[in-house]
Amino acid sequence: MMLPQRAIVLVADGGRMLLLRNDGDAEAPDLTVIAHRDGVVPPDRDLFDDAPGRTFRSHGPGRSAYESSSLHDALERAFLAAAARTLGDHVGADTPGIVVVADPVSLGYLRQHYPPAARARLLAELSRDFTGMPTTSIARLLVEA
């Protein structure tokens, strides 16, 4: 993939976000970190005290469990929405394009929250997880994609 100079790359998952800018040229990108955020998203076992409650039927011995919502997933969705807002804050009229790299689930949540300015400049979305990689590896993998 050809990454234009000054293009913005958002690399995210449910707990980490990197916002990068290409300060190199299209063939040899040099990614500079312009925003970085680590979210604290504890697992559900640390968020809940107990199992979901039980209810009794008005007739008969049957029981049912209440549906349990996942606070972990809700925190990840909120983090990804904030990452999309941060992307929108860094997009300007001089931004030639945007590339978003995220795991498939996170990419789905990010798509729901793209600001209009970012959506208009979107060059590509890659369904991969690059969050644990250094910027040099991310740049090399983007060129190979």
N, C-alpha and C. Protein backbone atom coordinates (compact mmCIF):
# COMPACT_ATOMS: atom_id res chain seq x y z
N MET A 1 0.84 -1.17 0.00
CA MET A 1 0.00 0.00 0.00
C MET A 1 0.89 1.23 0.00
N MET A 2 0.50 2.19 -0.80
CA MET A 2 1.20 3.47 -0.83
C MET A 2 0.57 4.37 0.22
N LEU A 3 1.36 4.79 1.18
CA LEU A 3 0.88 5.65 2.26
C LEU A 3 1.37 7.07 2.00
N PRO A 4 0.47 7.98 1.62
CA PRO A 4 0.89 9.34 1.28
C PRO A 4 1.58 10.04 2.46
N GLN A 5 2.44 10.98 2.13
CA GLN A 5 3.10 11.77 3.15
C GLN A 5 2.04 12.56 3.92
N ARG A 6 2.18 12.63 5.26
CA ARG A 6 1.28 13.29 6.19
C ARG A 6 -0.05 12.55 6.38
N ALA A 7 -0.16 11.32 5.84
CA ALA A 7 -1.35 10.51 6.08
C ALA A 7 -1.36 10.08 7.55
N ILE A 8 -2.55 9.84 8.07
CA ILE A 8 -2.71 9.45 9.46
C ILE A 8 -3.08 7.97 9.51
N VAL A 9 -2.47 7.25 10.45
CA VAL A 9 -2.74 5.83 10.65
C VAL A 9 -3.23 5.65 12.08
N LEU A 10 -4.42 5.07 12.23
CA LEU A 10 -4.95 4.73 13.55
C LEU A 10 -4.80 3.24 13.73
N VAL A 11 -4.07 2.84 14.78
CA VAL A 11 -3.90 1.43 15.14
C VAL A 11 -4.56 1.27 16.49
N ALA A 12 -5.57 0.40 16.58
CA ALA A 12 -6.32 0.31 17.83
C ALA A 12 -6.83 -1.10 18.08
N ASP A 13 -7.06 -1.38 19.34
CA ASP A 13 -7.85 -2.52 19.77
C ASP A 13 -8.66 -2.04 20.97
N GLY A 14 -9.26 -2.91 21.72
CA GLY A 14 -10.13 -2.50 22.81
C GLY A 14 -9.43 -1.86 23.99
N GLY A 15 -8.10 -1.87 24.03
CA GLY A 15 -7.40 -1.32 25.18
C GLY A 15 -6.19 -0.47 24.87
N ARG A 16 -5.85 -0.33 23.60
CA ARG A 16 -4.68 0.47 23.22
C ARG A 16 -4.95 1.18 21.91
N MET A 17 -4.46 2.42 21.83
CA MET A 17 -4.63 3.20 20.61
C MET A 17 -3.32 3.91 20.29
N LEU A 18 -2.91 3.84 19.03
CA LEU A 18 -1.78 4.59 18.52
C LEU A 18 -2.27 5.41 17.33
N LEU A 19 -2.00 6.69 17.35
CA LEU A 19 -2.32 7.55 16.22
C LEU A 19 -0.99 8.00 15.65
N LEU A 20 -0.74 7.64 14.40
CA LEU A 20 0.56 7.86 13.76
C LEU A 20 0.40 8.75 12.53
N ARG A 21 1.46 9.48 12.19
CA ARG A 21 1.49 10.30 10.99
C ARG A 21 2.71 9.89 10.18
N ASN A 22 2.54 9.79 8.87
CA ASN A 22 3.65 9.43 7.99
C ASN A 22 4.45 10.69 7.68
N ASP A 23 5.63 10.81 8.27
CA ASP A 23 6.52 11.94 7.99
C ASP A 23 7.55 11.61 6.91
N GLY A 24 7.47 10.39 6.38
CA GLY A 24 8.35 10.01 5.28
C GLY A 24 7.62 10.18 3.96
N ASP A 25 8.07 9.44 2.94
CA ASP A 25 7.37 9.51 1.66
C ASP A 25 6.49 8.28 1.50
N ALA A 26 5.82 8.18 0.36
CA ALA A 26 4.85 7.11 0.14
C ALA A 26 5.50 5.73 0.07
N GLU A 27 6.71 5.65 -0.43
CA GLU A 27 7.37 4.36 -0.58
C GLU A 27 8.14 3.92 0.65
N ALA A 28 8.60 4.88 1.45
CA ALA A 28 9.34 4.58 2.67
C ALA A 28 8.74 5.38 3.82
N PRO A 29 7.63 4.92 4.38
CA PRO A 29 6.98 5.68 5.44
C PRO A 29 7.82 5.75 6.70
N ASP A 30 7.76 6.89 7.35
CA ASP A 30 8.40 7.11 8.64
C ASP A 30 7.29 7.54 9.59
N LEU A 31 6.79 6.59 10.39
CA LEU A 31 5.63 6.86 11.23
C LEU A 31 6.04 7.51 12.55
N THR A 32 5.40 8.63 12.85
CA THR A 32 5.63 9.37 14.09
C THR A 32 4.37 9.30 14.93
N VAL A 33 4.55 9.01 16.21
CA VAL A 33 3.41 8.92 17.12
C VAL A 33 2.91 10.33 17.44
N ILE A 34 1.62 10.59 17.17
CA ILE A 34 1.04 11.89 17.51
C ILE A 34 0.05 11.77 18.68
N ALA A 35 -0.40 10.56 18.97
CA ALA A 35 -1.24 10.33 20.15
C ALA A 35 -1.13 8.86 20.52
N HIS A 36 -1.14 8.61 21.82
CA HIS A 36 -1.03 7.25 22.33
C HIS A 36 -1.90 7.17 23.57
N ARG A 37 -2.67 6.11 23.67
CA ARG A 37 -3.50 5.95 24.86
C ARG A 37 -3.63 4.47 25.18
N ASP A 38 -3.44 4.15 26.45
CA ASP A 38 -3.69 2.80 26.95
C ASP A 38 -4.89 2.86 27.86
N GLY A 39 -5.87 2.04 27.58
CA GLY A 39 -7.06 2.00 28.42
C GLY A 39 -6.94 0.90 29.45
N VAL A 40 -7.56 1.11 30.57
CA VAL A 40 -7.60 0.10 31.61
C VAL A 40 -8.94 -0.61 31.48
N VAL A 41 -8.91 -1.81 30.94
CA VAL A 41 -10.12 -2.58 30.74
C VAL A 41 -9.96 -3.92 31.45
N PRO A 42 -10.37 -3.98 32.73
CA PRO A 42 -10.22 -5.23 33.47
C PRO A 42 -11.19 -6.29 32.95
N PRO A 43 -10.85 -7.56 33.13
CA PRO A 43 -11.75 -8.63 32.70
C PRO A 43 -13.03 -8.64 33.54
N ASP A 44 -14.06 -9.27 33.00
CA ASP A 44 -15.36 -9.32 33.69
C ASP A 44 -15.25 -9.93 35.08
N ARG A 45 -14.36 -10.89 35.27
CA ARG A 45 -14.26 -11.53 36.59
C ARG A 45 -13.84 -10.53 37.67
N ASP A 46 -13.14 -9.45 37.26
CA ASP A 46 -12.75 -8.43 38.22
C ASP A 46 -13.81 -7.34 38.36
N LEU A 47 -14.78 -7.30 37.47
CA LEU A 47 -15.81 -6.27 37.51
C LEU A 47 -17.08 -6.72 38.23
N PHE A 48 -17.33 -8.02 38.26
CA PHE A 48 -18.55 -8.54 38.89
C PHE A 48 -18.21 -9.20 40.22
N ASP A 49 -19.10 -9.05 41.18
CA ASP A 49 -18.93 -9.68 42.47
C ASP A 49 -19.43 -11.12 42.48
N ASP A 50 -20.49 -11.35 41.73
CA ASP A 50 -21.19 -12.61 41.86
C ASP A 50 -21.76 -13.02 40.51
N ALA A 51 -22.31 -14.20 40.46
CA ALA A 51 -22.98 -14.67 39.25
C ALA A 51 -24.29 -13.91 39.06
N PRO A 52 -24.86 -13.94 37.87
CA PRO A 52 -26.13 -13.27 37.65
C PRO A 52 -27.21 -13.82 38.57
N GLY A 53 -28.15 -12.97 38.91
CA GLY A 53 -29.24 -13.37 39.80
C GLY A 53 -30.14 -14.42 39.18
N ARG A 54 -30.96 -15.05 40.03
CA ARG A 54 -31.90 -16.08 39.59
C ARG A 54 -33.31 -15.59 39.89
N THR A 55 -34.21 -16.04 39.10
CA THR A 55 -35.62 -15.71 39.33
C THR A 55 -36.43 -17.00 39.36
N PHE A 56 -37.49 -16.99 40.10
CA PHE A 56 -38.38 -18.14 40.21
C PHE A 56 -39.63 -17.89 39.38
N ARG A 57 -40.15 -18.92 38.78
CA ARG A 57 -41.39 -18.80 38.04
C ARG A 57 -42.56 -18.74 39.02
N SER A 58 -43.64 -18.11 38.59
CA SER A 58 -44.80 -18.01 39.47
C SER A 58 -45.49 -19.35 39.66
N HIS A 59 -45.28 -20.27 38.77
CA HIS A 59 -45.85 -21.60 38.92
C HIS A 59 -44.78 -22.63 38.57
N GLY A 60 -44.70 -23.66 39.31
CA GLY A 60 -43.75 -24.72 39.06
C GLY A 60 -42.39 -24.45 39.69
N PRO A 61 -41.52 -25.44 39.64
CA PRO A 61 -40.22 -25.33 40.30
C PRO A 61 -39.13 -24.71 39.42
N GLY A 62 -39.45 -24.27 38.21
CA GLY A 62 -38.43 -23.77 37.28
C GLY A 62 -37.77 -22.47 37.74
N ARG A 63 -36.52 -22.32 37.34
CA ARG A 63 -35.76 -21.11 37.64
C ARG A 63 -35.10 -20.61 36.36
N SER A 64 -34.80 -19.33 36.33
CA SER A 64 -34.11 -18.74 35.19
C SER A 64 -33.06 -17.78 35.70
N ALA A 65 -31.99 -17.61 34.95
CA ALA A 65 -30.95 -16.64 35.31
C ALA A 65 -31.21 -15.33 34.57
N TYR A 66 -30.91 -14.24 35.23
CA TYR A 66 -30.99 -12.94 34.55
C TYR A 66 -29.85 -12.85 33.55
N GLU A 67 -30.11 -12.13 32.48
CA GLU A 67 -29.08 -11.95 31.47
C GLU A 67 -27.96 -11.08 32.05
N SER A 68 -26.75 -11.50 31.81
CA SER A 68 -25.60 -10.76 32.33
C SER A 68 -24.97 -9.95 31.20
N SER A 69 -24.85 -8.66 31.40
CA SER A 69 -24.17 -7.83 30.40
C SER A 69 -22.68 -7.83 30.69
N SER A 70 -21.90 -7.60 29.69
CA SER A 70 -20.46 -7.61 29.84
C SER A 70 -19.94 -6.18 30.01
N LEU A 71 -19.51 -5.85 31.20
CA LEU A 71 -18.94 -4.53 31.44
C LEU A 71 -17.61 -4.37 30.72
N HIS A 72 -16.90 -5.45 30.56
CA HIS A 72 -15.62 -5.44 29.83
C HIS A 72 -15.85 -4.96 28.39
N ASP A 73 -16.85 -5.55 27.72
CA ASP A 73 -17.16 -5.14 26.35
C ASP A 73 -17.61 -3.69 26.28
N ALA A 74 -18.40 -3.26 27.26
CA ALA A 74 -18.87 -1.87 27.28
C ALA A 74 -17.70 -0.90 27.44
N LEU A 75 -16.72 -1.25 28.27
CA LEU A 75 -15.54 -0.39 28.44
C LEU A 75 -14.71 -0.35 27.16
N GLU A 76 -14.58 -1.49 26.49
CA GLU A 76 -13.84 -1.52 25.22
C GLU A 76 -14.54 -0.66 24.17
N ARG A 77 -15.86 -0.75 24.08
CA ARG A 77 -16.61 0.06 23.11
C ARG A 77 -16.44 1.55 23.39
N ALA A 78 -16.47 1.92 24.67
CA ALA A 78 -16.29 3.33 25.03
C ALA A 78 -14.87 3.80 24.68
N PHE A 79 -13.88 2.94 24.89
CA PHE A 79 -12.50 3.29 24.56
C PHE A 79 -12.35 3.48 23.05
N LEU A 80 -12.97 2.61 22.25
CA LEU A 80 -12.87 2.73 20.79
C LEU A 80 -13.61 3.96 20.28
N ALA A 81 -14.72 4.32 20.90
CA ALA A 81 -15.42 5.55 20.52
C ALA A 81 -14.54 6.77 20.80
N ALA A 82 -13.83 6.75 21.93
CA ALA A 82 -12.91 7.84 22.25
C ALA A 82 -11.74 7.87 21.26
N ALA A 83 -11.28 6.70 20.82
CA ALA A 83 -10.20 6.65 19.82
C ALA A 83 -10.66 7.27 18.50
N ALA A 84 -11.90 7.01 18.10
CA ALA A 84 -12.43 7.60 16.87
C ALA A 84 -12.56 9.11 17.00
N ARG A 85 -12.94 9.60 18.18
CA ARG A 85 -13.01 11.05 18.40
C ARG A 85 -11.62 11.67 18.33
N THR A 86 -10.62 11.00 18.89
CA THR A 86 -9.25 11.49 18.83
C THR A 86 -8.77 11.56 17.38
N LEU A 87 -9.12 10.56 16.59
CA LEU A 87 -8.80 10.58 15.16
C LEU A 87 -9.42 11.81 14.50
N GLY A 88 -10.67 12.07 14.80
CA GLY A 88 -11.35 13.23 14.22
C GLY A 88 -10.72 14.55 14.63
N ASP A 89 -10.17 14.61 15.84
CA ASP A 89 -9.51 15.83 16.31
C ASP A 89 -8.23 16.13 15.54
N HIS A 90 -7.59 15.10 14.99
CA HIS A 90 -6.31 15.28 14.30
C HIS A 90 -6.45 15.35 12.78
N VAL A 91 -7.65 15.21 12.27
CA VAL A 91 -7.86 15.28 10.82
C VAL A 91 -8.11 16.74 10.44
N GLY A 92 -7.35 17.21 9.48
CA GLY A 92 -7.50 18.57 9.00
C GLY A 92 -7.69 18.61 7.50
N ALA A 93 -7.82 19.80 6.97
CA ALA A 93 -8.00 19.96 5.53
C ALA A 93 -6.76 19.50 4.76
N ASP A 94 -5.59 19.52 5.41
CA ASP A 94 -4.36 19.12 4.74
C ASP A 94 -4.04 17.63 4.89
N THR A 95 -4.93 16.86 5.54
CA THR A 95 -4.71 15.43 5.71
C THR A 95 -5.05 14.71 4.41
N PRO A 96 -4.05 14.07 3.77
CA PRO A 96 -4.31 13.44 2.47
C PRO A 96 -5.08 12.13 2.56
N GLY A 97 -5.04 11.46 3.71
CA GLY A 97 -5.76 10.20 3.83
C GLY A 97 -5.59 9.59 5.21
N ILE A 98 -6.43 8.61 5.47
CA ILE A 98 -6.43 7.92 6.76
C ILE A 98 -6.46 6.42 6.51
N VAL A 99 -5.66 5.71 7.29
CA VAL A 99 -5.68 4.25 7.28
C VAL A 99 -5.98 3.80 8.70
N VAL A 100 -6.93 2.87 8.84
CA VAL A 100 -7.31 2.35 10.15
C VAL A 100 -6.95 0.88 10.19
N VAL A 101 -6.22 0.49 11.25
CA VAL A 101 -5.81 -0.90 11.45
C VAL A 101 -6.32 -1.34 12.81
N ALA A 102 -7.16 -2.36 12.83
CA ALA A 102 -7.71 -2.86 14.08
C ALA A 102 -8.15 -4.31 13.89
N ASP A 103 -8.29 -5.02 15.01
CA ASP A 103 -8.81 -6.38 14.93
C ASP A 103 -10.25 -6.31 14.45
N PRO A 104 -10.81 -7.39 13.93
CA PRO A 104 -12.14 -7.34 13.31
C PRO A 104 -13.25 -6.77 14.20
N VAL A 105 -13.31 -7.16 15.45
CA VAL A 105 -14.37 -6.67 16.34
C VAL A 105 -14.19 -5.17 16.59
N SER A 106 -12.98 -4.74 16.89
CA SER A 106 -12.73 -3.32 17.14
C SER A 106 -12.98 -2.49 15.91
N LEU A 107 -12.65 -3.01 14.74
CA LEU A 107 -12.89 -2.29 13.50
C LEU A 107 -14.38 -2.04 13.29
N GLY A 108 -15.19 -3.01 13.65
CA GLY A 108 -16.63 -2.84 13.55
C GLY A 108 -17.14 -1.72 14.44
N TYR A 109 -16.63 -1.63 15.67
CA TYR A 109 -17.05 -0.55 16.57
C TYR A 109 -16.52 0.79 16.10
N LEU A 110 -15.29 0.82 15.60
CA LEU A 110 -14.72 2.07 15.11
C LEU A 110 -15.52 2.63 13.94
N ARG A 111 -15.95 1.77 13.05
CA ARG A 111 -16.72 2.22 11.88
C ARG A 111 -17.98 2.98 12.28
N GLN A 112 -18.57 2.60 13.40
CA GLN A 112 -19.79 3.25 13.87
C GLN A 112 -19.53 4.67 14.38
N HIS A 113 -18.28 4.99 14.69
CA HIS A 113 -17.97 6.26 15.34
C HIS A 113 -17.04 7.16 14.56
N TYR A 114 -16.74 6.83 13.29
CA TYR A 114 -15.89 7.72 12.49
C TYR A 114 -16.55 9.09 12.38
N PRO A 115 -15.80 10.17 12.63
CA PRO A 115 -16.33 11.51 12.35
C PRO A 115 -16.46 11.68 10.83
N PRO A 116 -17.34 12.56 10.35
CA PRO A 116 -17.52 12.74 8.90
C PRO A 116 -16.23 13.13 8.18
N ALA A 117 -15.40 13.96 8.79
CA ALA A 117 -14.15 14.37 8.15
C ALA A 117 -13.22 13.18 7.97
N ALA A 118 -13.18 12.28 8.93
CA ALA A 118 -12.33 11.10 8.83
C ALA A 118 -12.90 10.12 7.81
N ARG A 119 -14.21 9.94 7.80
CA ARG A 119 -14.84 9.01 6.85
C ARG A 119 -14.58 9.45 5.40
N ALA A 120 -14.57 10.76 5.16
CA ALA A 120 -14.35 11.28 3.81
C ALA A 120 -12.92 11.05 3.32
N ARG A 121 -11.97 10.93 4.24
CA ARG A 121 -10.55 10.79 3.86
C ARG A 121 -10.03 9.36 4.05
N LEU A 122 -10.90 8.42 4.31
CA LEU A 122 -10.51 7.05 4.59
C LEU A 122 -9.94 6.39 3.33
N LEU A 123 -8.69 5.96 3.41
CA LEU A 123 -8.04 5.27 2.29
C LEU A 123 -8.21 3.76 2.38
N ALA A 124 -8.04 3.21 3.60
CA ALA A 124 -8.10 1.77 3.76
C ALA A 124 -8.38 1.41 5.21
N GLU A 125 -8.97 0.23 5.38
CA GLU A 125 -9.15 -0.37 6.70
C GLU A 125 -8.54 -1.75 6.64
N LEU A 126 -7.65 -2.04 7.57
CA LEU A 126 -7.02 -3.35 7.63
C LEU A 126 -7.51 -4.07 8.87
N SER A 127 -7.99 -5.27 8.70
CA SER A 127 -8.51 -6.07 9.80
C SER A 127 -7.38 -6.92 10.38
N ARG A 128 -6.48 -6.25 11.09
CA ARG A 128 -5.33 -6.92 11.71
C ARG A 128 -5.02 -6.26 13.04
N ASP A 129 -4.29 -6.95 13.88
CA ASP A 129 -3.94 -6.41 15.19
C ASP A 129 -2.45 -6.07 15.20
N PHE A 130 -2.14 -4.77 15.09
CA PHE A 130 -0.76 -4.28 15.10
C PHE A 130 -0.41 -3.56 16.39
N THR A 131 -1.27 -3.58 17.40
CA THR A 131 -1.07 -2.71 18.56
C THR A 131 0.18 -3.02 19.37
N GLY A 132 0.65 -4.23 19.37
CA GLY A 132 1.82 -4.56 20.16
C GLY A 132 3.14 -4.42 19.42
N MET A 133 3.11 -3.84 18.23
CA MET A 133 4.30 -3.75 17.39
C MET A 133 4.94 -2.37 17.44
N PRO A 134 6.26 -2.30 17.22
CA PRO A 134 6.90 -0.98 17.11
C PRO A 134 6.51 -0.31 15.79
N THR A 135 6.69 1.00 15.73
CA THR A 135 6.26 1.76 14.56
C THR A 135 7.01 1.35 13.29
N THR A 136 8.24 0.93 13.41
CA THR A 136 8.99 0.49 12.22
C THR A 136 8.36 -0.76 11.61
N SER A 137 7.92 -1.69 12.46
CA SER A 137 7.26 -2.90 11.97
C SER A 137 5.91 -2.58 11.36
N ILE A 138 5.17 -1.64 11.99
CA ILE A 138 3.87 -1.23 11.45
C ILE A 138 4.06 -0.62 10.06
N ALA A 139 5.07 0.24 9.90
CA ALA A 139 5.33 0.87 8.60
C ALA A 139 5.67 -0.19 7.55
N ARG A 140 6.49 -1.16 7.91
CA ARG A 140 6.86 -2.21 6.96
C ARG A 140 5.65 -3.04 6.56
N LEU A 141 4.81 -3.39 7.52
CA LEU A 141 3.61 -4.19 7.21
C LEU A 141 2.59 -3.42 6.40
N LEU A 142 2.51 -2.10 6.61
CA LEU A 142 1.59 -1.29 5.80
C LEU A 142 2.05 -1.22 4.34
N VAL A 143 3.35 -1.13 4.14
CA VAL A 143 3.89 -1.10 2.77
C VAL A 143 3.62 -2.44 2.08
N GLU A 144 3.73 -3.54 2.83
CA GLU A 144 3.52 -4.88 2.26
C GLU A 144 2.04 -5.17 2.01
N ALA A 145 1.15 -4.49 2.71
CA ALA A 145 -0.30 -4.76 2.59
C ALA A 145 -0.84 -4.29 1.26
